[in-house]
């Protein structure tokens, strides 16, 4: 189960997770700096930084 403290690395281990991040406009997917921090970047923090709806993203991540 995913929550706002789940790291991007954990989310990206699943195809569904990758799709949800892309569909919700998470900019880290194409950021070179993110690749260096992917193990510690939490989806809740990323969503807050970029004004994304973290509740929606977490909900979609947990749907399958």
Protein backbone atom coordinates (compact mmCIF):
# COMPACT_ATOMS: atom_id res chain seq x y z
CA UNK A 1 0.00 0.00 0.00
CA UNK A 2 1.29 3.42 -0.97
CA UNK A 3 1.04 6.57 1.16
CA UNK A 4 2.47 10.08 1.02
CA UNK A 5 5.72 8.83 2.60
CA UNK A 6 6.36 6.29 -0.14
CA UNK A 7 9.53 7.02 -2.08
CA UNK A 8 9.56 7.47 -5.83
CA UNK A 9 11.91 4.48 -6.06
CA UNK A 10 9.27 2.24 -4.47
CA UNK A 11 6.53 3.59 -6.74
CA UNK A 12 8.63 3.18 -9.88
CA UNK A 13 9.06 -0.53 -9.20
CA UNK A 14 5.56 -1.01 -10.62
CA UNK A 15 4.28 -0.22 -14.11
CA UNK A 16 1.03 1.07 -12.59
CA UNK A 17 3.01 3.44 -10.37
CA UNK A 18 4.99 4.84 -13.29
CA UNK A 19 1.77 5.41 -15.21
CA UNK A 20 0.09 7.24 -12.30
CA UNK A 21 3.09 9.53 -11.80
CA UNK A 22 3.23 10.40 -15.49
CA UNK A 23 -0.53 10.96 -15.76
CA UNK A 24 -0.45 13.29 -12.76
CA UNK A 25 2.39 15.40 -14.16
CA UNK A 26 5.04 14.50 -11.60
CA UNK A 27 8.02 16.38 -13.08
CA UNK A 28 10.61 14.12 -11.45
CA UNK A 29 10.09 11.58 -14.20
CA UNK A 30 12.23 13.65 -16.57
CA UNK A 31 14.47 15.47 -14.10
CA UNK A 32 18.13 14.51 -14.10
CA UNK A 33 18.53 15.59 -10.46
CA UNK A 34 15.70 13.33 -9.33
CA UNK A 35 17.60 10.25 -10.47
CA UNK A 36 20.19 11.02 -7.79
CA UNK A 37 17.58 11.44 -5.05
CA UNK A 38 14.93 8.94 -6.13
CA UNK A 39 15.56 6.68 -3.11
CA UNK A 40 14.69 9.47 -0.65
CA UNK A 41 12.14 11.60 -2.53
CA UNK A 42 8.69 10.97 -1.06
CA UNK A 43 5.62 11.39 -3.22
CA UNK A 44 3.96 13.64 -0.64
CA UNK A 45 6.94 16.01 -0.60
CA UNK A 46 7.17 16.07 -4.39
CA UNK A 47 3.45 16.78 -4.67
CA UNK A 48 3.74 19.64 -2.18
CA UNK A 49 6.76 21.12 -3.99
CA UNK A 50 4.94 21.20 -7.33
CA UNK A 51 1.39 21.92 -6.18
CA UNK A 52 0.05 18.50 -7.15
CA UNK A 53 -2.90 16.77 -5.48
CA UNK A 54 -1.14 14.21 -3.28
CA UNK A 55 -4.37 12.65 -2.02
CA UNK A 56 -5.45 11.98 -5.61
CA UNK A 57 -2.07 10.56 -6.55
CA UNK A 58 -1.93 8.26 -3.50
CA UNK A 59 -5.50 7.11 -4.15
CA UNK A 60 -4.69 6.29 -7.78
CA UNK A 61 -1.49 4.51 -6.79
CA UNK A 62 -3.52 2.22 -4.53
CA UNK A 63 -6.12 1.44 -7.21
CA UNK A 64 -5.45 -1.48 -9.44
